[in-house]
Amino acid sequence: MKNLTSTLSAMDLAKIFQVDRQTIYRWRNIGRLPEGILISQRTRRWPIPDLLRHSDELSIFLRHLSQDENTSSEKI
């Protein structure tokens, strides 16, 4: 996963969760994801710390993903 001070795009999140990009926006609209930051009229990004703080479920999933990537890179 990217550095914990970086942000993720809707496409990044869609790849992580294995869903369509529009699902990311639906989840934001119903509160399953934080609002994110509107960078321009059509571009929104989510700071990773905001995602980690948003919900326990999201935090656990993203931290688990990060640990898996760290473990796989150590094996190389």
PDB file of N, CA and C in Angstrom:
ATOM      1  N   MET A   1       0.850  -1.179   0.000  1.00  0.00           N
ATOM      2  CA  MET A   1       0.000   0.000   0.000  1.00  0.00           C
ATOM      3  C   MET A   1       0.888   1.231   0.000  1.00  0.00           C
ATOM      4  N   LYS A   2       0.311   2.344  -0.386  1.00  0.00           N
ATOM      5  CA  LYS A   2       1.070   3.584  -0.457  1.00  0.00           C
ATOM      6  C   LYS A   2       1.417   4.087   0.938  1.00  0.00           C
ATOM      7  N   ASN A   3       2.352   5.003   0.973  1.00  0.00           N
ATOM      8  CA  ASN A   3       2.758   5.656   2.213  1.00  0.00           C
ATOM      9  C   ASN A   3       1.530   6.176   2.963  1.00  0.00           C
ATOM     10  N   LEU A   4       1.520   6.059   4.283  1.00  0.00           N
ATOM     11  CA  LEU A   4       0.350   6.447   5.071  1.00  0.00           C
ATOM     12  C   LEU A   4       0.061   7.943   5.063  1.00  0.00           C
ATOM     13  N   THR A   5       0.921   8.755   4.491  1.00  0.00           N
ATOM     14  CA  THR A   5       0.631  10.185   4.389  1.00  0.00           C
ATOM     15  C   THR A   5       0.072  10.530   3.014  1.00  0.00           C
ATOM     16  N   SER A   6      -0.086   9.558   2.142  1.00  0.00           N
ATOM     17  CA  SER A   6      -0.569   9.829   0.794  1.00  0.00           C
ATOM     18  C   SER A   6      -2.089   9.725   0.718  1.00  0.00           C
ATOM     19  N   THR A   7      -2.594   9.946  -0.484  1.00  0.00           N
ATOM     20  CA  THR A   7      -4.029   9.854  -0.718  1.00  0.00           C
ATOM     21  C   THR A   7      -4.302   8.782  -1.756  1.00  0.00           C
ATOM     22  N   LEU A   8      -5.555   8.352  -1.801  1.00  0.00           N
ATOM     23  CA  LEU A   8      -5.981   7.362  -2.782  1.00  0.00           C
ATOM     24  C   LEU A   8      -7.094   7.951  -3.640  1.00  0.00           C
ATOM     25  N   SER A   9      -7.106   7.588  -4.899  1.00  0.00           N
ATOM     26  CA  SER A   9      -8.173   8.012  -5.804  1.00  0.00           C
ATOM     27  C   SER A   9      -9.323   7.004  -5.721  1.00  0.00           C
ATOM     28  N   ALA A  10     -10.435   7.338  -6.358  1.00  0.00           N
ATOM     29  CA  ALA A  10     -11.557   6.400  -6.422  1.00  0.00           C
ATOM     30  C   ALA A  10     -11.126   5.121  -7.134  1.00  0.00           C
ATOM     31  N   MET A  11     -10.304   5.260  -8.166  1.00  0.00           N
ATOM     32  CA  MET A  11      -9.822   4.083  -8.888  1.00  0.00           C
ATOM     33  C   MET A  11      -8.919   3.233  -7.996  1.00  0.00           C
ATOM     34  N   ASP A  12      -8.057   3.868  -7.206  1.00  0.00           N
ATOM     35  CA  ASP A  12      -7.212   3.126  -6.259  1.00  0.00           C
ATOM     36  C   ASP A  12      -8.080   2.321  -5.296  1.00  0.00           C
ATOM     37  N   LEU A  13      -9.093   2.987  -4.731  1.00  0.00           N
ATOM     38  CA  LEU A  13      -9.973   2.313  -3.773  1.00  0.00           C
ATOM     39  C   LEU A  13     -10.761   1.194  -4.443  1.00  0.00           C
ATOM     40  N   ALA A  14     -11.205   1.427  -5.670  1.00  0.00           N
ATOM     41  CA  ALA A  14     -11.946   0.394  -6.403  1.00  0.00           C
ATOM     42  C   ALA A  14     -11.080  -0.852  -6.599  1.00  0.00           C
ATOM     43  N   LYS A  15      -9.817  -0.652  -6.908  1.00  0.00           N
ATOM     44  CA  LYS A  15      -8.904  -1.794  -7.072  1.00  0.00           C
ATOM     45  C   LYS A  15      -8.682  -2.513  -5.745  1.00  0.00           C
ATOM     46  N   ILE A  16      -8.513  -1.758  -4.674  1.00  0.00           N
ATOM     47  CA  ILE A  16      -8.301  -2.353  -3.354  1.00  0.00           C
ATOM     48  C   ILE A  16      -9.498  -3.202  -2.938  1.00  0.00           C
ATOM     49  N   PHE A  17     -10.713  -2.645  -3.115  1.00  0.00           N
ATOM     50  CA  PHE A  17     -11.926  -3.334  -2.678  1.00  0.00           C
ATOM     51  C   PHE A  17     -12.510  -4.252  -3.743  1.00  0.00           C
ATOM     52  N   GLN A  18     -11.907  -4.246  -4.935  1.00  0.00           N
ATOM     53  CA  GLN A  18     -12.365  -5.072  -6.054  1.00  0.00           C
ATOM     54  C   GLN A  18     -13.828  -4.795  -6.383  1.00  0.00           C
ATOM     55  N   VAL A  19     -14.132  -3.511  -6.537  1.00  0.00           N
ATOM     56  CA  VAL A  19     -15.471  -3.071  -6.921  1.00  0.00           C
ATOM     57  C   VAL A  19     -15.333  -2.046  -8.045  1.00  0.00           C
ATOM     58  N   ASP A  20     -16.459  -1.685  -8.635  1.00  0.00           N
ATOM     59  CA  ASP A  20     -16.477  -0.652  -9.659  1.00  0.00           C
ATOM     60  C   ASP A  20     -16.212   0.716  -9.029  1.00  0.00           C
ATOM     61  N   ARG A  21     -15.619   1.604  -9.794  1.00  0.00           N
ATOM     62  CA  ARG A  21     -15.316   2.950  -9.293  1.00  0.00           C
ATOM     63  C   ARG A  21     -16.582   3.663  -8.812  1.00  0.00           C
ATOM     64  N   GLN A  22     -17.696   3.463  -9.491  1.00  0.00           N
ATOM     65  CA  GLN A  22     -18.945   4.105  -9.077  1.00  0.00           C
ATOM     66  C   GLN A  22     -19.408   3.617  -7.703  1.00  0.00           C
ATOM     67  N   THR A  23     -19.066   2.387  -7.360  1.00  0.00           N
ATOM     68  CA  THR A  23     -19.404   1.860  -6.031  1.00  0.00           C
ATOM     69  C   THR A  23     -18.705   2.675  -4.947  1.00  0.00           C
ATOM     70  N   ILE A  24     -17.490   3.117  -5.213  1.00  0.00           N
ATOM     71  CA  ILE A  24     -16.759   3.946  -4.247  1.00  0.00           C
ATOM     72  C   ILE A  24     -17.547   5.222  -3.970  1.00  0.00           C
ATOM     73  N   TYR A  25     -18.061   5.846  -5.025  1.00  0.00           N
ATOM     74  CA  TYR A  25     -18.850   7.068  -4.840  1.00  0.00           C
ATOM     75  C   TYR A  25     -20.179   6.773  -4.143  1.00  0.00           C
ATOM     76  N   ARG A  26     -20.796   5.639  -4.434  1.00  0.00           N
ATOM     77  CA  ARG A  26     -22.035   5.267  -3.723  1.00  0.00           C
ATOM     78  C   ARG A  26     -21.743   5.066  -2.237  1.00  0.00           C
ATOM     79  N   TRP A  27     -20.644   4.383  -1.931  1.00  0.00           N
ATOM     80  CA  TRP A  27     -20.273   4.168  -0.530  1.00  0.00           C
ATOM     81  C   TRP A  27     -20.028   5.495   0.178  1.00  0.00           C
ATOM     82  N   ARG A  28     -19.404   6.450  -0.511  1.00  0.00           N
ATOM     83  CA  ARG A  28     -19.186   7.777   0.077  1.00  0.00           C
ATOM     84  C   ARG A  28     -20.527   8.448   0.355  1.00  0.00           C
ATOM     85  N   ASN A  29     -21.453   8.334  -0.587  1.00  0.00           N
ATOM     86  CA  ASN A  29     -22.763   8.973  -0.431  1.00  0.00           C
ATOM     87  C   ASN A  29     -23.568   8.410   0.740  1.00  0.00           C
ATOM     88  N   ILE A  30     -23.400   7.125   1.040  1.00  0.00           N
ATOM     89  CA  ILE A  30     -24.159   6.531   2.150  1.00  0.00           C
ATOM     90  C   ILE A  30     -23.370   6.517   3.455  1.00  0.00           C
ATOM     91  N   GLY A  31     -22.131   7.040   3.424  1.00  0.00           N
ATOM     92  CA  GLY A  31     -21.346   7.145   4.651  1.00  0.00           C
ATOM     93  C   GLY A  31     -20.426   5.984   4.940  1.00  0.00           C
ATOM     94  N   ARG A  32     -20.360   5.025   4.046  1.00  0.00           N
ATOM     95  CA  ARG A  32     -19.464   3.886   4.270  1.00  0.00           C
ATOM     96  C   ARG A  32     -17.999   4.296   4.112  1.00  0.00           C
ATOM     97  N   LEU A  33     -17.754   5.342   3.334  1.00  0.00           N
ATOM     98  CA  LEU A  33     -16.427   5.943   3.186  1.00  0.00           C
ATOM     99  C   LEU A  33     -16.514   7.402   3.594  1.00  0.00           C
ATOM    100  N   PRO A  34     -15.399   7.994   4.034  1.00  0.00           N
ATOM    101  CA  PRO A  34     -15.414   9.427   4.360  1.00  0.00           C
ATOM    102  C   PRO A  34     -15.611  10.260   3.094  1.00  0.00           C
ATOM    103  N   GLU A  35     -15.890  11.532   3.279  1.00  0.00           N
ATOM    104  CA  GLU A  35     -16.135  12.435   2.148  1.00  0.00           C
ATOM    105  C   GLU A  35     -14.944  12.536   1.209  1.00  0.00           C
ATOM    106  N   GLY A  36     -13.750  12.511   1.736  1.00  0.00           N
ATOM    107  CA  GLY A  36     -12.577  12.716   0.897  1.00  0.00           C
ATOM    108  C   GLY A  36     -12.385  14.201   0.622  1.00  0.00           C
ATOM    109  N   ILE A  37     -11.408  14.509  -0.197  1.00  0.00           N
ATOM    110  CA  ILE A  37     -11.082  15.898  -0.511  1.00  0.00           C
ATOM    111  C   ILE A  37     -11.332  16.128  -1.993  1.00  0.00           C
ATOM    112  N   LEU A  38     -12.113  17.153  -2.296  1.00  0.00           N
ATOM    113  CA  LEU A  38     -12.370  17.507  -3.680  1.00  0.00           C
ATOM    114  C   LEU A  38     -11.183  18.317  -4.185  1.00  0.00           C
ATOM    115  N   ILE A  39     -10.410  17.737  -5.075  1.00  0.00           N
ATOM    116  CA  ILE A  39      -9.199  18.364  -5.604  1.00  0.00           C
ATOM    117  C   ILE A  39      -9.547  19.333  -6.730  1.00  0.00           C
ATOM    118  N   SER A  40     -10.471  18.933  -7.575  1.00  0.00           N
ATOM    119  CA  SER A  40     -10.976  19.781  -8.650  1.00  0.00           C
ATOM    120  C   SER A  40     -12.449  19.437  -8.829  1.00  0.00           C
ATOM    121  N   GLN A  41     -13.082  20.021  -9.809  1.00  0.00           N
ATOM    122  CA  GLN A  41     -14.517  19.805  -9.987  1.00  0.00           C
ATOM    123  C   GLN A  41     -14.873  18.323 -10.133  1.00  0.00           C
ATOM    124  N   ARG A  42     -13.976  17.533 -10.722  1.00  0.00           N
ATOM    125  CA  ARG A  42     -14.289  16.130 -10.978  1.00  0.00           C
ATOM    126  C   ARG A  42     -13.304  15.150 -10.346  1.00  0.00           C
ATOM    127  N   THR A  43     -12.462  15.627  -9.468  1.00  0.00           N
ATOM    128  CA  THR A  43     -11.440  14.756  -8.873  1.00  0.00           C
ATOM    129  C   THR A  43     -11.509  14.800  -7.356  1.00  0.00           C
ATOM    130  N   ARG A  44     -11.688  13.629  -6.761  1.00  0.00           N
ATOM    131  CA  ARG A  44     -11.742  13.497  -5.308  1.00  0.00           C
ATOM    132  C   ARG A  44     -10.669  12.503  -4.890  1.00  0.00           C
ATOM    133  N   ARG A  45     -10.007  12.802  -3.771  1.00  0.00           N
ATOM    134  CA  ARG A  45      -8.991  11.902  -3.233  1.00  0.00           C
ATOM    135  C   ARG A  45      -9.263  11.685  -1.750  1.00  0.00           C
ATOM    136  N   TRP A  46      -8.844  10.530  -1.262  1.00  0.00           N
ATOM    137  CA  TRP A  46      -9.053  10.172   0.133  1.00  0.00           C
ATOM    138  C   TRP A  46      -7.709  10.023   0.827  1.00  0.00           C
ATOM    139  N   PRO A  47      -7.422  10.882   1.816  1.00  0.00           N
ATOM    140  CA  PRO A  47      -6.193  10.701   2.598  1.00  0.00           C
ATOM    141  C   PRO A  47      -6.275   9.375   3.369  1.00  0.00           C
ATOM    142  N   ILE A  48      -5.210   8.623   3.337  1.00  0.00           N
ATOM    143  CA  ILE A  48      -5.212   7.321   4.005  1.00  0.00           C
ATOM    144  C   ILE A  48      -5.507   7.449   5.499  1.00  0.00           C
ATOM    145  N   PRO A  49      -4.951   8.437   6.219  1.00  0.00           N
ATOM    146  CA  PRO A  49      -5.308   8.557   7.644  1.00  0.00           C
ATOM    147  C   PRO A  49      -6.817   8.760   7.864  1.00  0.00           C
ATOM    148  N   ASP A  50      -7.481   9.499   6.965  1.00  0.00           N
ATOM    149  CA  ASP A  50      -8.935   9.686   7.084  1.00  0.00           C
ATOM    150  C   ASP A  50      -9.669   8.363   6.901  1.00  0.00           C
ATOM    151  N   LEU A  51      -9.214   7.557   5.959  1.00  0.00           N
ATOM    152  CA  LEU A  51      -9.828   6.247   5.735  1.00  0.00           C
ATOM    153  C   LEU A  51      -9.645   5.352   6.955  1.00  0.00           C
ATOM    154  N   LEU A  52      -8.453   5.391   7.548  1.00  0.00           N
ATOM    155  CA  LEU A  52      -8.180   4.556   8.720  1.00  0.00           C
ATOM    156  C   LEU A  52      -9.019   4.973   9.925  1.00  0.00           C
ATOM    157  N   ARG A  53      -9.298   6.269  10.045  1.00  0.00           N
ATOM    158  CA  ARG A  53     -10.086   6.771  11.181  1.00  0.00           C
ATOM    159  C   ARG A  53     -11.596   6.645  10.974  1.00  0.00           C
ATOM    160  N   HIS A  54     -12.027   6.460   9.743  1.00  0.00           N
ATOM    161  CA  HIS A  54     -13.457   6.524   9.434  1.00  0.00           C
ATOM    162  C   HIS A  54     -14.279   5.438  10.130  1.00  0.00           C
ATOM    163  N   SER A  55     -13.814   4.207  10.073  1.00  0.00           N
ATOM    164  CA  SER A  55     -14.555   3.124  10.723  1.00  0.00           C
ATOM    165  C   SER A  55     -13.587   2.013  11.110  1.00  0.00           C
ATOM    166  N   ASP A  56     -13.966   1.263  12.116  1.00  0.00           N
ATOM    167  CA  ASP A  56     -13.133   0.136  12.546  1.00  0.00           C
ATOM    168  C   ASP A  56     -12.990  -0.882  11.421  1.00  0.00           C
ATOM    169  N   GLU A  57     -14.100  -1.161  10.731  1.00  0.00           N
ATOM    170  CA  GLU A  57     -14.087  -2.148   9.647  1.00  0.00           C
ATOM    171  C   GLU A  57     -13.096  -1.741   8.551  1.00  0.00           C
ATOM    172  N   LEU A  58     -13.149  -0.489   8.148  1.00  0.00           N
ATOM    173  CA  LEU A  58     -12.262   0.024   7.108  1.00  0.00           C
ATOM    174  C   LEU A  58     -10.814   0.025   7.586  1.00  0.00           C
ATOM    175  N   SER A  59     -10.590   0.431   8.814  1.00  0.00           N
ATOM    176  CA  SER A  59      -9.244   0.466   9.377  1.00  0.00           C
ATOM    177  C   SER A  59      -8.627  -0.927   9.422  1.00  0.00           C
ATOM    178  N   ILE A  60      -9.390  -1.894   9.886  1.00  0.00           N
ATOM    179  CA  ILE A  60      -8.896  -3.268   9.979  1.00  0.00           C
ATOM    180  C   ILE A  60      -8.548  -3.798   8.590  1.00  0.00           C
ATOM    181  N   PHE A  61      -9.432  -3.554   7.621  1.00  0.00           N
ATOM    182  CA  PHE A  61      -9.197  -4.040   6.263  1.00  0.00           C
ATOM    183  C   PHE A  61      -7.937  -3.423   5.662  1.00  0.00           C
ATOM    184  N   LEU A  62      -7.801  -2.108   5.757  1.00  0.00           N
ATOM    185  CA  LEU A  62      -6.652  -1.424   5.155  1.00  0.00           C
ATOM    186  C   LEU A  62      -5.348  -1.771   5.863  1.00  0.00           C
ATOM    187  N   ARG A  63      -5.382  -1.900   7.188  1.00  0.00           N
ATOM    188  CA  ARG A  63      -4.164  -2.282   7.909  1.00  0.00           C
ATOM    189  C   ARG A  63      -3.760  -3.717   7.558  1.00  0.00           C
ATOM    190  N   HIS A  64      -4.747  -4.600   7.427  1.00  0.00           N
ATOM    191  CA  HIS A  64      -4.476  -5.986   7.054  1.00  0.00           C
ATOM    192  C   HIS A  64      -3.859  -6.030   5.653  1.00  0.00           C
ATOM    193  N   LEU A  65      -4.395  -5.237   4.744  1.00  0.00           N
ATOM    194  CA  LEU A  65      -3.864  -5.165   3.389  1.00  0.00           C
ATOM    195  C   LEU A  65      -2.418  -4.680   3.406  1.00  0.00           C
ATOM    196  N   SER A  66      -2.136  -3.671   4.196  1.00  0.00           N
ATOM    197  CA  SER A  66      -0.784  -3.123   4.306  1.00  0.00           C
ATOM    198  C   SER A  66       0.182  -4.173   4.857  1.00  0.00           C
ATOM    199  N   GLN A  67      -0.245  -4.921   5.859  1.00  0.00           N
ATOM    200  CA  GLN A  67       0.609  -5.959   6.444  1.00  0.00           C
ATOM    201  C   GLN A  67       0.883  -7.063   5.432  1.00  0.00           C
ATOM    202  N   ASP A  68      -0.139  -7.434   4.645  1.00  0.00           N
ATOM    203  CA  ASP A  68       0.051  -8.460   3.623  1.00  0.00           C
ATOM    204  C   ASP A  68       1.079  -8.022   2.596  1.00  0.00           C
ATOM    205  N   GLU A  69       1.018  -6.759   2.177  1.00  0.00           N
ATOM    206  CA  GLU A  69       1.971  -6.257   1.189  1.00  0.00           C
ATOM    207  C   GLU A  69       3.373  -6.179   1.773  1.00  0.00           C
ATOM    208  N   ASN A  70       3.491  -5.802   3.035  1.00  0.00           N
ATOM    209  CA  ASN A  70       4.810  -5.755   3.673  1.00  0.00           C
ATOM    210  C   ASN A  70       5.402  -7.152   3.781  1.00  0.00           C
ATOM    211  N   THR A  71       4.574  -8.126   4.111  1.00  0.00           N
ATOM    212  CA  THR A  71       5.030  -9.505   4.236  1.00  0.00           C
ATOM    213  C   THR A  71       5.473 -10.045   2.884  1.00  0.00           C
ATOM    214  N   SER A  72       4.697  -9.782   1.830  1.00  0.00           N
ATOM    215  CA  SER A  72       5.060 -10.299   0.515  1.00  0.00           C
ATOM    216  C   SER A  72       6.328  -9.637  -0.010  1.00  0.00           C
ATOM    217  N   SER A  73       6.560  -8.367   0.304  1.00  0.00           N
ATOM    218  CA  SER A  73       7.781  -7.707  -0.162  1.00  0.00           C
ATOM    219  C   SER A  73       9.003  -8.202   0.611  1.00  0.00           C
ATOM    220  N   GLU A  74       8.805  -8.664   1.848  1.00  0.00           N
ATOM    221  CA  GLU A  74       9.918  -9.198   2.622  1.00  0.00           C
ATOM    222  C   GLU A  74      10.370 -10.542   2.066  1.00  0.00           C
ATOM    223  N   LYS A  75       9.453 -11.282   1.442  1.00  0.00           N
ATOM    224  CA  LYS A  75       9.771 -12.598   0.906  1.00  0.00           C
ATOM    225  C   LYS A  75      10.607 -12.503  -0.358  1.00  0.00           C
ATOM    226  N   ILE A  76      10.573 -11.379  -1.020  1.00  0.00           N
ATOM    227  CA  ILE A  76      11.277 -11.225  -2.301  1.00  0.00           C
ATOM    228  C   ILE A  76      12.759 -11.091  -2.094  1.00  0.00           C
TER     229      ILE A  76
END
